[in-house]
N, C-alpha and C. Protein backbone atom coordinates (compact mmCIF):
# COMPACT_ATOMS: atom_id res chain seq x y z
N MET A 1 4.12 28.47 -21.82
CA MET A 1 3.76 26.90 -21.30
C MET A 1 3.78 25.80 -22.50
N LEU A 2 4.23 25.11 -22.45
CA LEU A 2 4.33 24.26 -23.74
C LEU A 2 3.16 23.99 -24.38
N ILE A 3 2.06 23.17 -23.69
CA ILE A 3 0.33 22.36 -23.98
C ILE A 3 0.02 23.68 -25.16
N GLU A 4 -0.39 23.51 -26.45
CA GLU A 4 -0.96 24.17 -27.31
C GLU A 4 -2.79 24.31 -26.87
N ASP A 5 -3.34 25.21 -27.70
CA ASP A 5 -4.23 25.72 -27.62
C ASP A 5 -5.19 24.33 -28.05
N ASN A 6 -6.27 24.03 -27.83
CA ASN A 6 -7.45 22.67 -28.09
C ASN A 6 -6.14 21.45 -27.52
N ALA A 7 -5.32 21.32 -27.05
CA ALA A 7 -4.83 20.14 -27.02
C ALA A 7 -5.63 19.32 -26.30
N ILE A 8 -5.61 17.79 -26.01
CA ILE A 8 -6.15 17.01 -25.99
C ILE A 8 -5.32 15.49 -25.04
N ILE A 9 -5.24 16.05 -23.58
CA ILE A 9 -4.21 15.76 -22.74
C ILE A 9 -4.68 14.37 -22.29
N LEU A 10 -4.26 13.29 -22.49
CA LEU A 10 -4.58 11.87 -21.68
C LEU A 10 -3.26 11.33 -20.51
N PHE A 11 -4.41 11.12 -19.62
CA PHE A 11 -3.20 10.48 -18.48
C PHE A 11 -3.33 9.26 -18.70
N GLN A 12 -2.33 7.97 -18.46
CA GLN A 12 -2.35 6.66 -18.60
C GLN A 12 -1.54 6.41 -17.37
N GLY A 13 -1.70 4.89 -17.02
CA GLY A 13 -1.39 4.63 -15.54
C GLY A 13 -2.58 3.32 -14.72
N ASP A 14 -1.82 3.27 -13.53
CA ASP A 14 -2.55 2.61 -13.00
C ASP A 14 -3.10 3.40 -11.42
N SER A 15 -3.31 2.55 -10.30
CA SER A 15 -4.64 3.46 -9.49
C SER A 15 -3.88 4.56 -8.95
N ILE A 16 -2.53 4.86 -8.88
CA ILE A 16 -2.43 6.04 -8.67
C ILE A 16 -2.77 7.37 -10.13
N THR A 17 -3.04 7.04 -11.04
CA THR A 17 -3.66 8.09 -11.90
C THR A 17 -5.44 7.91 -12.11
N ASP A 18 -5.70 6.17 -12.17
CA ASP A 18 -7.34 6.14 -11.79
C ASP A 18 -8.29 7.13 -11.01
N ALA A 19 -7.25 6.74 -9.68
CA ALA A 19 -7.64 7.72 -8.37
C ALA A 19 -9.13 7.62 -8.40
N GLY A 20 -10.11 6.43 -8.56
CA GLY A 20 -11.52 6.49 -8.23
C GLY A 20 -12.51 6.86 -9.44
N ARG A 21 -11.98 7.18 -10.92
CA ARG A 21 -12.86 8.01 -11.16
C ARG A 21 -14.26 6.70 -11.92
N ASP A 22 -14.75 7.43 -12.56
CA ASP A 22 -15.91 6.63 -12.88
C ASP A 22 -15.89 6.17 -14.07
N TYR A 23 -15.55 4.93 -14.90
CA TYR A 23 -15.14 4.36 -15.74
C TYR A 23 -16.61 4.53 -16.63
N ASN A 24 -17.86 5.02 -16.57
CA ASN A 24 -18.98 5.43 -17.60
C ASN A 24 -18.83 6.73 -18.01
N ASN A 25 -17.94 7.17 -17.26
CA ASN A 25 -18.01 8.89 -17.72
C ASN A 25 -16.91 9.24 -18.00
N ASP A 26 -16.40 9.71 -19.15
CA ASP A 26 -14.97 10.28 -20.38
C ASP A 26 -15.09 11.35 -19.16
N ALA A 27 -15.80 12.26 -19.19
CA ALA A 27 -15.72 13.49 -18.25
C ALA A 27 -14.98 13.29 -16.62
N ASP A 28 -14.76 12.34 -16.24
CA ASP A 28 -14.71 12.07 -14.40
C ASP A 28 -12.93 12.00 -14.66
N LEU A 29 -12.72 12.64 -14.28
CA LEU A 29 -10.98 12.64 -13.76
C LEU A 29 -10.32 12.08 -12.46
N GLY A 30 -11.10 11.31 -11.66
CA GLY A 30 -10.90 10.79 -10.67
C GLY A 30 -10.67 11.82 -9.53
N LEU A 31 -10.44 11.32 -8.60
CA LEU A 31 -9.75 12.08 -7.36
C LEU A 31 -8.41 12.70 -6.78
N GLY A 32 -7.37 12.30 -8.22
CA GLY A 32 -5.98 12.50 -7.76
C GLY A 32 -5.29 14.08 -9.04
N TYR A 33 -3.80 13.50 -8.76
CA TYR A 33 -3.28 14.62 -9.39
C TYR A 33 -3.92 14.49 -11.01
N PRO A 34 -4.52 13.85 -12.12
CA PRO A 34 -5.18 13.95 -13.10
C PRO A 34 -6.21 15.31 -12.76
N MET A 35 -6.81 15.16 -12.03
CA MET A 35 -7.94 16.13 -11.81
C MET A 35 -7.50 17.69 -11.34
N ILE A 36 -6.64 17.12 -10.24
CA ILE A 36 -5.54 18.96 -9.66
C ILE A 36 -5.17 19.76 -10.91
N THR A 37 -4.49 18.45 -11.63
CA THR A 37 -3.85 19.27 -12.56
C THR A 37 -4.48 19.77 -13.65
N ALA A 38 -5.56 18.94 -14.62
CA ALA A 38 -6.85 19.71 -15.31
C ALA A 38 -7.43 21.23 -14.68
N SER A 39 -7.76 21.18 -13.41
CA SER A 39 -8.48 21.81 -12.95
C SER A 39 -7.40 23.95 -12.22
N TRP A 40 -6.17 23.55 -12.37
CA TRP A 40 -4.96 24.26 -12.25
C TRP A 40 -4.81 24.97 -13.65
N LEU A 41 -4.88 24.11 -14.70
CA LEU A 41 -4.51 24.16 -15.88
C LEU A 41 -5.84 24.95 -16.30
N SER A 42 -7.07 24.62 -16.19
CA SER A 42 -7.79 25.22 -16.92
C SER A 42 -8.48 26.91 -16.14
N ALA A 43 -8.12 26.75 -15.34
CA ALA A 43 -8.56 27.65 -13.98
C ALA A 43 -7.32 28.70 -14.70
N ALA A 44 -5.77 28.40 -14.87
CA ALA A 44 -5.12 29.78 -14.97
C ALA A 44 -5.06 30.08 -16.35
N LEU A 45 -5.55 29.04 -17.18
CA LEU A 45 -5.24 29.77 -18.66
C LEU A 45 -7.06 29.47 -19.39
N PRO A 46 -8.09 30.17 -18.46
CA PRO A 46 -9.72 29.73 -18.84
C PRO A 46 -9.55 30.61 -20.32
N SER A 47 -8.32 30.88 -21.16
CA SER A 47 -8.73 31.33 -22.67
C SER A 47 -8.31 30.07 -23.61
N LYS A 48 -7.75 28.77 -23.27
CA LYS A 48 -7.59 28.00 -23.77
C LYS A 48 -8.97 26.91 -23.38
N ASN A 49 -8.26 26.15 -24.75
CA ASN A 49 -9.85 24.99 -24.81
C ASN A 49 -8.81 23.49 -24.76
N PHE A 50 -8.30 23.21 -23.56
CA PHE A 50 -7.99 21.80 -23.28
C PHE A 50 -9.55 20.67 -22.76
N ARG A 51 -8.90 19.33 -23.20
CA ARG A 51 -9.69 18.47 -23.16
C ARG A 51 -8.88 17.48 -22.54
N PHE A 52 -9.23 16.96 -21.42
CA PHE A 52 -8.37 15.79 -20.44
C PHE A 52 -9.53 14.66 -20.25
N ILE A 53 -8.68 13.50 -20.46
CA ILE A 53 -9.00 12.45 -20.23
C ILE A 53 -8.06 11.46 -19.46
N ASN A 54 -9.03 10.97 -18.57
CA ASN A 54 -7.83 10.02 -17.67
C ASN A 54 -8.73 8.66 -18.25
N LYS A 55 -7.49 7.81 -18.57
CA LYS A 55 -7.74 6.47 -18.47
C LYS A 55 -7.04 5.43 -18.24
N GLY A 56 -6.73 5.42 -16.59
CA GLY A 56 -6.14 5.04 -15.65
C GLY A 56 -6.91 4.06 -15.17
N VAL A 57 -5.95 2.70 -15.34
CA VAL A 57 -6.89 1.27 -14.46
C VAL A 57 -6.05 1.09 -13.06
N SER A 58 -6.89 0.63 -12.11
CA SER A 58 -6.29 0.15 -11.16
C SER A 58 -5.59 -0.91 -11.40
N GLY A 59 -4.64 -1.45 -10.61
CA GLY A 59 -3.76 -2.84 -10.66
C GLY A 59 -2.87 -3.07 -12.24
N ASN A 60 -3.19 -2.07 -12.94
CA ASN A 60 -2.49 -2.18 -14.24
C ASN A 60 -1.20 -2.13 -14.32
N ARG A 61 -0.61 -3.39 -15.32
CA ARG A 61 1.34 -3.10 -15.02
C ARG A 61 1.03 -2.69 -16.69
N VAL A 62 2.65 -2.25 -17.23
CA VAL A 62 2.83 -1.94 -18.28
C VAL A 62 1.98 -3.18 -19.93
N LYS A 63 2.46 -4.45 -18.90
CA LYS A 63 1.94 -5.58 -20.07
C LYS A 63 0.08 -4.76 -20.42
N ASP A 64 -0.46 -4.68 -19.26
CA ASP A 64 -1.80 -4.03 -19.61
C ASP A 64 -1.90 -2.90 -20.41
N LEU A 65 -1.29 -2.55 -20.25
CA LEU A 65 -1.35 -0.82 -20.88
C LEU A 65 -0.92 -1.34 -22.02
N LYS A 66 -0.28 -1.88 -22.59
CA LYS A 66 0.12 -2.77 -23.88
C LYS A 66 -0.82 -3.32 -24.69
N GLU A 67 -1.68 -4.15 -23.83
CA GLU A 67 -3.17 -4.71 -24.31
C GLU A 67 -4.18 -3.93 -24.41
N ARG A 68 -4.08 -2.76 -23.95
CA ARG A 68 -5.38 -1.76 -24.05
C ARG A 68 -4.68 -0.36 -24.92
N TRP A 69 -3.62 -0.48 -25.71
CA TRP A 69 -3.67 0.90 -26.16
C TRP A 69 -4.09 1.16 -27.38
N MET A 70 -4.64 0.17 -28.20
CA MET A 70 -5.03 0.70 -29.31
C MET A 70 -6.20 1.86 -28.91
N ARG A 71 -7.44 0.68 -27.65
CA ARG A 71 -8.48 1.18 -27.58
C ARG A 71 -8.22 2.48 -26.45
N ASP A 72 -7.46 3.00 -25.53
CA ASP A 72 -6.98 3.74 -24.73
C ASP A 72 -6.12 4.47 -24.83
N CYS A 73 -5.68 4.17 -26.02
CA CYS A 73 -4.94 5.79 -26.62
C CYS A 73 -4.91 5.97 -27.74
N ILE A 74 -4.46 5.23 -28.72
CA ILE A 74 -4.12 5.60 -30.14
C ILE A 74 -5.80 6.32 -30.86
N ASP A 75 -6.61 5.28 -30.23
CA ASP A 75 -7.85 5.75 -30.88
C ASP A 75 -8.60 7.03 -30.67
N LEU A 76 -8.16 7.25 -29.29
CA LEU A 76 -8.23 8.96 -28.73
C LEU A 76 -7.89 9.93 -29.09
N LYS A 77 -6.40 9.60 -30.17
CA LYS A 77 -6.00 10.88 -30.83
C LYS A 77 -5.41 11.76 -29.87
N PRO A 78 -4.96 11.66 -28.54
CA PRO A 78 -4.36 12.97 -27.87
C PRO A 78 -3.28 13.39 -28.40
N THR A 79 -3.18 14.66 -28.28
CA THR A 79 -1.98 15.50 -28.82
C THR A 79 -0.89 15.34 -27.70
N TRP A 80 -1.15 14.94 -26.29
CA TRP A 80 -0.25 15.17 -24.87
C TRP A 80 -0.76 14.03 -24.57
N ILE A 81 0.33 12.99 -24.23
CA ILE A 81 0.06 11.50 -23.36
C ILE A 81 1.25 11.74 -22.00
N SER A 82 0.29 11.48 -20.93
CA SER A 82 1.21 11.45 -19.82
C SER A 82 0.60 10.18 -19.50
N ILE A 83 2.29 9.07 -18.53
CA ILE A 83 1.52 8.07 -18.62
C ILE A 83 2.76 7.97 -17.04
N LEU A 84 2.19 7.30 -16.18
CA LEU A 84 2.72 7.07 -14.68
C LEU A 84 2.32 5.48 -14.32
N ILE A 85 3.60 4.26 -14.58
CA ILE A 85 3.28 3.51 -14.60
C ILE A 85 4.48 2.49 -14.30
N GLY A 86 4.28 1.15 -13.68
CA GLY A 86 5.36 0.48 -13.12
C GLY A 86 5.22 0.00 -11.97
N ILE A 87 4.76 0.26 -10.85
CA ILE A 87 4.76 0.36 -9.56
C ILE A 87 4.36 -1.19 -9.15
N ASN A 88 3.31 -1.60 -10.01
CA ASN A 88 2.46 -2.87 -9.77
C ASN A 88 3.37 -4.05 -10.70
N ASP A 89 4.15 -3.47 -11.52
CA ASP A 89 5.32 -4.65 -12.12
C ASP A 89 6.41 -4.88 -10.73
N CYS A 90 6.46 -4.50 -10.01
CA CYS A 90 7.62 -4.21 -9.60
C CYS A 90 6.76 -5.14 -7.91
N TRP A 91 5.75 -4.77 -7.62
CA TRP A 91 4.48 -5.14 -6.42
C TRP A 91 4.53 -6.33 -6.35
N ARG A 92 3.99 -7.11 -7.71
CA ARG A 92 3.25 -8.12 -7.45
C ARG A 92 4.39 -9.62 -8.01
N ARG A 93 5.26 -8.50 -7.56
CA ARG A 93 6.72 -10.18 -7.29
C ARG A 93 6.71 -10.53 -5.70
N TYR A 94 6.27 -9.06 -5.16
CA TYR A 94 6.21 -9.21 -3.57
C TYR A 94 4.97 -9.80 -2.78
N ASP A 95 3.42 -9.90 -3.51
CA ASP A 95 2.67 -9.69 -2.76
C ASP A 95 1.88 -10.99 -3.64
N ASN A 96 2.68 -11.47 -4.60
CA ASN A 96 1.38 -12.41 -5.51
C ASN A 96 2.78 -13.44 -6.21
N ASN A 97 4.13 -13.27 -5.71
CA ASN A 97 5.50 -14.30 -6.43
C ASN A 97 5.01 -14.09 -8.16
N ASP A 98 5.17 -12.76 -8.74
CA ASP A 98 4.37 -12.88 -9.74
C ASP A 98 4.86 -11.47 -10.62
N PRO A 99 6.65 -11.84 -10.53
CA PRO A 99 7.48 -10.97 -11.19
C PRO A 99 7.32 -10.42 -12.53
N THR A 100 7.61 -9.43 -12.89
CA THR A 100 8.26 -8.57 -13.90
C THR A 100 9.35 -8.64 -14.60
N SER A 101 10.05 -9.08 -15.16
CA SER A 101 11.49 -9.10 -15.88
C SER A 101 11.48 -7.55 -16.03
N VAL A 102 12.93 -7.06 -15.99
CA VAL A 102 13.02 -5.83 -16.47
C VAL A 102 13.50 -5.74 -17.93
N GLU A 103 13.65 -6.69 -18.43
CA GLU A 103 13.74 -6.92 -19.71
C GLU A 103 12.21 -6.67 -20.97
N LYS A 104 11.19 -7.86 -19.74
CA LYS A 104 9.72 -7.47 -20.34
C LYS A 104 9.53 -6.42 -20.05
N PHE A 105 9.59 -5.42 -19.09
CA PHE A 105 9.15 -4.53 -18.52
C PHE A 105 9.62 -3.09 -19.84
N GLU A 106 11.34 -3.10 -20.41
CA GLU A 106 11.17 -2.55 -21.12
C GLU A 106 10.85 -2.52 -22.30
N SER A 107 10.72 -3.85 -22.72
CA SER A 107 10.42 -4.30 -24.20
C SER A 107 8.42 -3.89 -24.42
N ASP A 108 7.87 -4.22 -23.48
CA ASP A 108 6.14 -3.33 -23.67
C ASP A 108 6.10 -2.14 -23.39
N TYR A 109 7.28 -1.41 -22.60
CA TYR A 109 7.11 0.30 -22.76
C TYR A 109 7.49 0.93 -23.61
N ARG A 110 8.87 0.61 -24.24
CA ARG A 110 8.94 0.62 -25.40
C ARG A 110 8.11 0.78 -26.77
N TYR A 111 7.03 -0.84 -26.67
CA TYR A 111 6.13 -0.87 -27.69
C TYR A 111 5.20 0.16 -27.47
N ILE A 112 4.49 0.69 -26.12
CA ILE A 112 3.76 1.69 -26.78
C ILE A 112 4.26 2.86 -26.81
N LEU A 113 5.72 3.33 -26.45
CA LEU A 113 5.64 5.07 -26.67
C LEU A 113 6.51 4.63 -28.24
N GLN A 114 6.48 3.39 -29.17
CA GLN A 114 7.02 3.51 -30.07
C GLN A 114 5.27 3.62 -30.96
N GLU A 115 4.12 2.82 -30.53
CA GLU A 115 2.83 3.22 -31.16
C GLU A 115 2.47 4.61 -31.37
N VAL A 116 3.15 5.42 -30.12
CA VAL A 116 2.31 7.09 -30.03
C VAL A 116 3.64 7.79 -31.00
N LYS A 117 4.85 7.11 -31.21
CA LYS A 117 5.48 8.17 -32.47
C LYS A 117 5.01 7.95 -34.20
N THR A 118 4.84 6.64 -34.03
CA THR A 118 4.34 6.18 -35.14
C THR A 118 2.49 6.15 -35.81
N GLN A 119 1.80 6.44 -35.26
CA GLN A 119 0.68 6.38 -35.61
C GLN A 119 0.29 7.84 -34.60
N LEU A 120 0.75 8.40 -33.87
CA LEU A 120 0.69 10.23 -33.65
C LEU A 120 1.32 11.03 -33.25
N ASN A 121 2.16 10.48 -33.44
CA ASN A 121 3.49 11.85 -33.37
C ASN A 121 2.78 12.68 -31.83
N ALA A 122 2.12 12.33 -30.96
CA ALA A 122 1.98 12.89 -29.57
C ALA A 122 2.81 13.27 -29.04
N ASN A 123 2.74 14.26 -28.02
CA ASN A 123 4.05 14.55 -26.95
C ASN A 123 3.55 13.96 -25.88
N LEU A 124 5.04 13.26 -24.85
CA LEU A 124 5.03 12.33 -24.32
C LEU A 124 5.61 12.92 -22.71
N ILE A 125 4.87 12.99 -21.98
CA ILE A 125 4.95 12.99 -20.15
C ILE A 125 5.57 12.01 -19.54
N ILE A 126 6.76 11.84 -19.09
CA ILE A 126 6.97 10.37 -18.77
C ILE A 126 7.24 10.58 -17.28
N CYS A 127 6.38 9.88 -16.38
CA CYS A 127 7.10 9.90 -14.63
C CYS A 127 7.41 8.74 -14.53
N GLU A 128 8.41 8.66 -13.82
CA GLU A 128 9.20 7.62 -13.06
C GLU A 128 7.88 6.94 -12.11
N PRO A 129 7.90 5.72 -11.86
CA PRO A 129 7.18 5.06 -10.68
C PRO A 129 8.44 5.10 -9.65
N PHE A 130 7.50 5.28 -8.61
CA PHE A 130 7.95 5.48 -6.81
C PHE A 130 7.87 4.60 -5.90
N VAL A 131 7.96 4.84 -4.79
CA VAL A 131 8.13 3.63 -3.68
C VAL A 131 8.64 4.61 -2.56
N LEU A 132 7.91 4.75 -1.50
CA LEU A 132 8.91 4.84 -0.09
C LEU A 132 8.35 4.28 1.29
N PRO A 133 9.56 3.78 1.89
CA PRO A 133 9.58 2.85 2.66
C PRO A 133 8.30 2.74 4.09
N VAL A 134 7.18 2.94 3.69
CA VAL A 134 6.46 2.63 5.12
C VAL A 134 6.02 1.69 5.51
N ILE A 135 5.99 0.56 4.87
CA ILE A 135 5.20 -0.71 5.37
C ILE A 135 6.64 -1.91 5.06
N GLU A 136 6.59 -2.43 6.56
CA GLU A 136 7.92 -3.25 6.38
C GLU A 136 7.81 -3.94 5.37
N ASP A 137 9.20 -3.77 4.96
CA ASP A 137 9.88 -4.94 3.53
C ASP A 137 9.81 -3.89 2.65
N GLN A 138 9.21 -3.04 2.13
CA GLN A 138 8.70 -1.98 1.17
C GLN A 138 10.36 -1.79 0.48
N ALA A 139 11.27 -1.00 1.43
CA ALA A 139 13.13 -1.37 1.82
C ALA A 139 13.47 -2.01 0.67
N LYS A 140 13.29 -3.18 0.96
CA LYS A 140 13.86 -4.12 -0.63
C LYS A 140 13.12 -4.15 -1.64
N TRP A 141 11.93 -3.79 -1.41
CA TRP A 141 11.65 -3.65 -3.57
C TRP A 141 12.67 -2.28 -3.74
N ARG A 142 13.56 -2.00 -3.21
CA ARG A 142 14.25 -1.17 -4.30
C ARG A 142 15.37 -2.02 -5.72
N GLU A 143 15.38 -3.25 -5.04
CA GLU A 143 16.24 -3.94 -5.36
C GLU A 143 15.38 -4.50 -7.26
N ASP A 144 13.71 -4.28 -7.18
CA ASP A 144 13.29 -4.79 -8.14
C ASP A 144 12.75 -3.12 -8.70
N LEU A 145 12.39 -2.05 -7.84
CA LEU A 145 11.88 -0.97 -8.53
C LEU A 145 13.53 -0.18 -9.29
N ASP A 146 14.50 0.03 -8.97
CA ASP A 146 15.67 0.58 -9.07
C ASP A 146 16.01 -0.11 -10.71
N PRO A 147 16.02 -0.65 -11.17
CA PRO A 147 15.97 -1.36 -12.37
C PRO A 147 14.99 -0.48 -13.64
N LYS A 148 14.21 -0.69 -12.80
CA LYS A 148 13.11 -0.36 -13.75
C LYS A 148 12.80 1.08 -14.18
N ILE A 149 12.90 1.81 -12.85
CA ILE A 149 13.69 3.13 -13.07
C ILE A 149 14.26 3.73 -13.93
N HIS A 150 15.50 3.22 -13.99
CA HIS A 150 16.69 3.57 -14.85
C HIS A 150 15.96 3.01 -16.41
N ALA A 151 15.15 1.85 -16.32
CA ALA A 151 14.58 1.80 -17.98
C ALA A 151 13.61 2.92 -18.26
N VAL A 152 12.93 3.35 -17.34
CA VAL A 152 11.95 4.74 -17.57
C VAL A 152 12.85 5.60 -17.75
N ARG A 153 13.82 5.90 -17.49
CA ARG A 153 15.02 7.33 -17.70
C ARG A 153 15.44 7.18 -19.00
N LYS A 154 15.79 5.91 -19.34
CA LYS A 154 16.46 5.29 -20.57
C LYS A 154 15.36 5.96 -21.49
N LEU A 155 14.15 5.22 -21.71
CA LEU A 155 13.14 5.38 -22.69
C LEU A 155 12.93 6.95 -22.22
N ALA A 156 12.27 7.96 -21.87
CA ALA A 156 12.26 9.05 -22.04
C ALA A 156 13.46 9.84 -22.64
N ARG A 157 14.83 9.77 -22.21
CA ARG A 157 15.47 10.23 -23.36
C ARG A 157 15.80 9.64 -24.62
N GLU A 158 15.28 8.07 -25.13
CA GLU A 158 14.95 7.78 -26.11
C GLU A 158 14.10 8.69 -27.05
N PHE A 159 12.91 8.39 -26.67
CA PHE A 159 11.89 9.22 -27.12
C PHE A 159 11.60 10.38 -27.03
N ASN A 160 12.64 11.24 -26.15
CA ASN A 160 12.46 12.70 -26.26
C ASN A 160 11.43 13.15 -24.99
N ALA A 161 11.17 12.49 -24.42
CA ALA A 161 10.08 12.69 -23.71
C ALA A 161 10.13 13.70 -22.63
N LEU A 162 9.24 14.78 -22.31
CA LEU A 162 9.40 15.12 -20.93
C LEU A 162 9.45 14.17 -19.82
N PHE A 163 10.39 14.10 -19.03
CA PHE A 163 10.69 13.38 -17.33
C PHE A 163 10.34 13.57 -16.20
N ILE A 164 9.49 13.20 -15.43
CA ILE A 164 9.35 13.69 -14.25
C ILE A 164 9.51 12.54 -13.20
N PRO A 165 10.80 13.07 -12.28
CA PRO A 165 11.34 11.61 -11.58
C PRO A 165 11.04 12.04 -10.55
N LEU A 166 9.78 11.35 -10.17
CA LEU A 166 8.95 11.45 -8.88
C LEU A 166 9.39 10.68 -7.98
N ASP A 167 10.28 9.43 -8.29
CA ASP A 167 10.82 8.87 -7.02
C ASP A 167 11.96 9.63 -6.37
N GLY A 168 12.22 10.45 -7.08
CA GLY A 168 13.18 11.97 -6.68
C GLY A 168 12.51 12.80 -6.25
N ILE A 169 11.42 12.96 -6.51
CA ILE A 169 10.79 14.15 -5.95
C ILE A 169 9.93 13.74 -4.30
N PHE A 170 10.06 12.26 -4.47
CA PHE A 170 9.39 12.14 -3.21
C PHE A 170 10.15 11.45 -2.47
N ALA A 171 11.24 11.39 -2.51
CA ALA A 171 12.16 11.09 -1.40
C ALA A 171 13.14 12.43 -0.98
N GLN A 172 12.90 13.29 -1.95
CA GLN A 172 13.22 14.71 -1.32
C GLN A 172 12.29 15.15 -0.66
N ALA A 173 10.94 14.34 -0.51
CA ALA A 173 9.75 15.47 -0.05
C ALA A 173 9.64 14.80 1.72
N ALA A 174 10.31 13.24 1.21
CA ALA A 174 10.06 12.22 2.61
C ALA A 174 11.56 13.17 3.77
N THR A 175 12.31 14.00 3.45
CA THR A 175 13.22 14.42 4.14
C THR A 175 12.72 15.81 4.85
N GLN A 176 11.08 15.97 4.58
CA GLN A 176 10.57 17.13 5.01
C GLN A 176 9.35 16.97 5.93
N ARG A 177 8.77 15.70 5.42
CA ARG A 177 8.17 15.21 6.53
C ARG A 177 8.13 13.88 6.52
N ASP A 178 7.28 13.20 7.14
CA ASP A 178 7.56 11.52 6.95
C ASP A 178 6.67 11.23 5.70
N PRO A 179 7.87 9.53 5.33
CA PRO A 179 7.11 9.27 4.26
C PRO A 179 5.20 9.03 4.04
N ALA A 180 4.67 8.81 5.43
CA ALA A 180 3.49 8.20 5.17
C ALA A 180 2.38 9.66 5.08
N TYR A 181 3.26 10.50 5.26
CA TYR A 181 2.30 12.15 4.73
C TYR A 181 2.16 12.24 3.31
N TRP A 182 3.35 12.06 3.02
CA TRP A 182 2.85 11.46 0.79
C TRP A 182 2.17 10.37 0.59
N LEU A 183 2.91 8.95 0.79
CA LEU A 183 2.28 8.28 0.54
C LEU A 183 1.77 7.26 1.98
N PRO A 184 0.31 7.01 2.42
CA PRO A 184 0.04 6.38 3.32
C PRO A 184 0.51 5.02 3.23
N ASP A 185 0.37 4.45 2.64
CA ASP A 185 1.12 3.11 2.24
C ASP A 185 2.64 2.75 1.60
N GLY A 186 3.10 3.62 1.33
CA GLY A 186 4.25 3.52 0.80
C GLY A 186 4.32 3.38 -0.96
N VAL A 187 3.06 3.75 -1.02
CA VAL A 187 2.66 3.76 -2.90
C VAL A 187 1.65 4.51 -3.50
N HIS A 188 0.35 4.63 -2.48
CA HIS A 188 -0.37 5.61 -3.14
C HIS A 188 -0.79 6.92 -2.23
N PRO A 189 -0.80 7.73 -3.36
CA PRO A 189 -0.49 9.64 -2.71
C PRO A 189 -1.73 9.55 -1.40
N SER A 190 -1.06 10.26 -0.97
CA SER A 190 -2.43 11.15 0.00
C SER A 190 -2.85 12.29 -1.06
N PRO A 191 -4.20 13.13 -0.36
CA PRO A 191 -4.28 14.09 -1.11
C PRO A 191 -3.17 14.98 -1.62
N THR A 192 -2.31 15.33 -0.61
CA THR A 192 -0.80 15.77 -0.53
C THR A 192 -0.30 15.29 -1.60
N GLY A 193 -0.31 14.01 -1.50
CA GLY A 193 0.84 13.38 -2.66
C GLY A 193 0.22 13.55 -4.32
N HIS A 194 -0.91 13.64 -3.69
CA HIS A 194 -1.19 13.86 -5.12
C HIS A 194 -1.51 15.30 -5.83
N ALA A 195 -1.30 16.48 -5.12
CA ALA A 195 -1.25 17.85 -5.24
C ALA A 195 0.29 17.72 -5.29
N LEU A 196 1.50 17.04 -5.29
CA LEU A 196 3.20 17.17 -5.36
C LEU A 196 3.30 16.98 -6.35
N ILE A 197 2.20 15.73 -6.75
CA ILE A 197 3.10 15.29 -8.30
C ILE A 197 2.11 16.26 -9.75
N ALA A 198 0.72 16.57 -9.09
CA ALA A 198 0.44 17.62 -10.40
C ALA A 198 1.18 19.17 -9.88
N GLN A 199 2.14 19.36 -9.26
CA GLN A 199 2.85 20.55 -9.09
C GLN A 199 4.31 19.77 -9.90
N SER A 200 4.73 18.93 -9.69
CA SER A 200 5.92 18.49 -10.70
C SER A 200 5.19 18.45 -11.84
N TRP A 201 4.35 17.78 -12.21
CA TRP A 201 3.81 17.86 -13.62
C TRP A 201 3.17 19.12 -14.21
N LEU A 202 3.58 20.43 -13.64
CA LEU A 202 2.96 22.03 -14.27
C LEU A 202 4.85 22.08 -14.54
N ARG A 203 5.08 21.93 -13.48
CA ARG A 203 6.28 22.56 -13.54
C ARG A 203 7.04 21.93 -14.85
N ALA A 204 6.79 20.50 -15.49
CA ALA A 204 7.35 19.75 -16.38
C ALA A 204 6.94 20.95 -17.92
N VAL A 205 5.78 21.10 -17.36
CA VAL A 205 5.18 21.39 -19.27
C VAL A 205 5.22 23.24 -18.70
N GLU A 206 5.94 23.69 -17.99
CA GLU A 206 6.14 25.24 -17.62
C GLU A 206 4.92 25.59 -17.51
N ALA A 207 4.01 25.33 -17.14
CA ALA A 207 2.90 25.83 -16.41
C ALA A 207 2.98 26.69 -14.84
N LEU A 208 4.09 26.36 -14.36
CA LEU A 208 4.54 26.75 -13.22
C LEU A 208 5.77 27.37 -13.12
């Protein structure tokens, strides 16, 4: 297992990571994959002293992470940082006519990763954003999301991060059960979808 004893593990992202957490309680991990991941690791390795923090914020885009990165990442001094961000950078183009260019997306994402390496030298886990075509017109989102996924893959290589290909993982899962089983609105996971993310995360750190 790659994660060391006394590790501080930070989950960052948007509503998928937020998962209903209590912003006034730093111990609350929400009801999604961060809680499932932390619970499984803690149960499997009770002798290890892990600390888990969830700072996901619903609705966030990469530019929002950049704005709060010092307060919600660097100042917390995590040793592992897990990032799942990007679907809102795509979605806002379609529901609010507020697109994010792939160039801006990549630039802001690179900034937060550079801050990690220069100020913390923490380990990085990067999850690619994902969508499944559940709601009408979501298939069209691919033209916006796919270039951003490629940017995330590029950054994962550039920064030597562990990479979790969630878009591919959900696409594969959707061949076994219908897409809404995993992502009822095409974006937000069901409890089973959150469990699939947690399972993939645990495999990435060699805990499964």
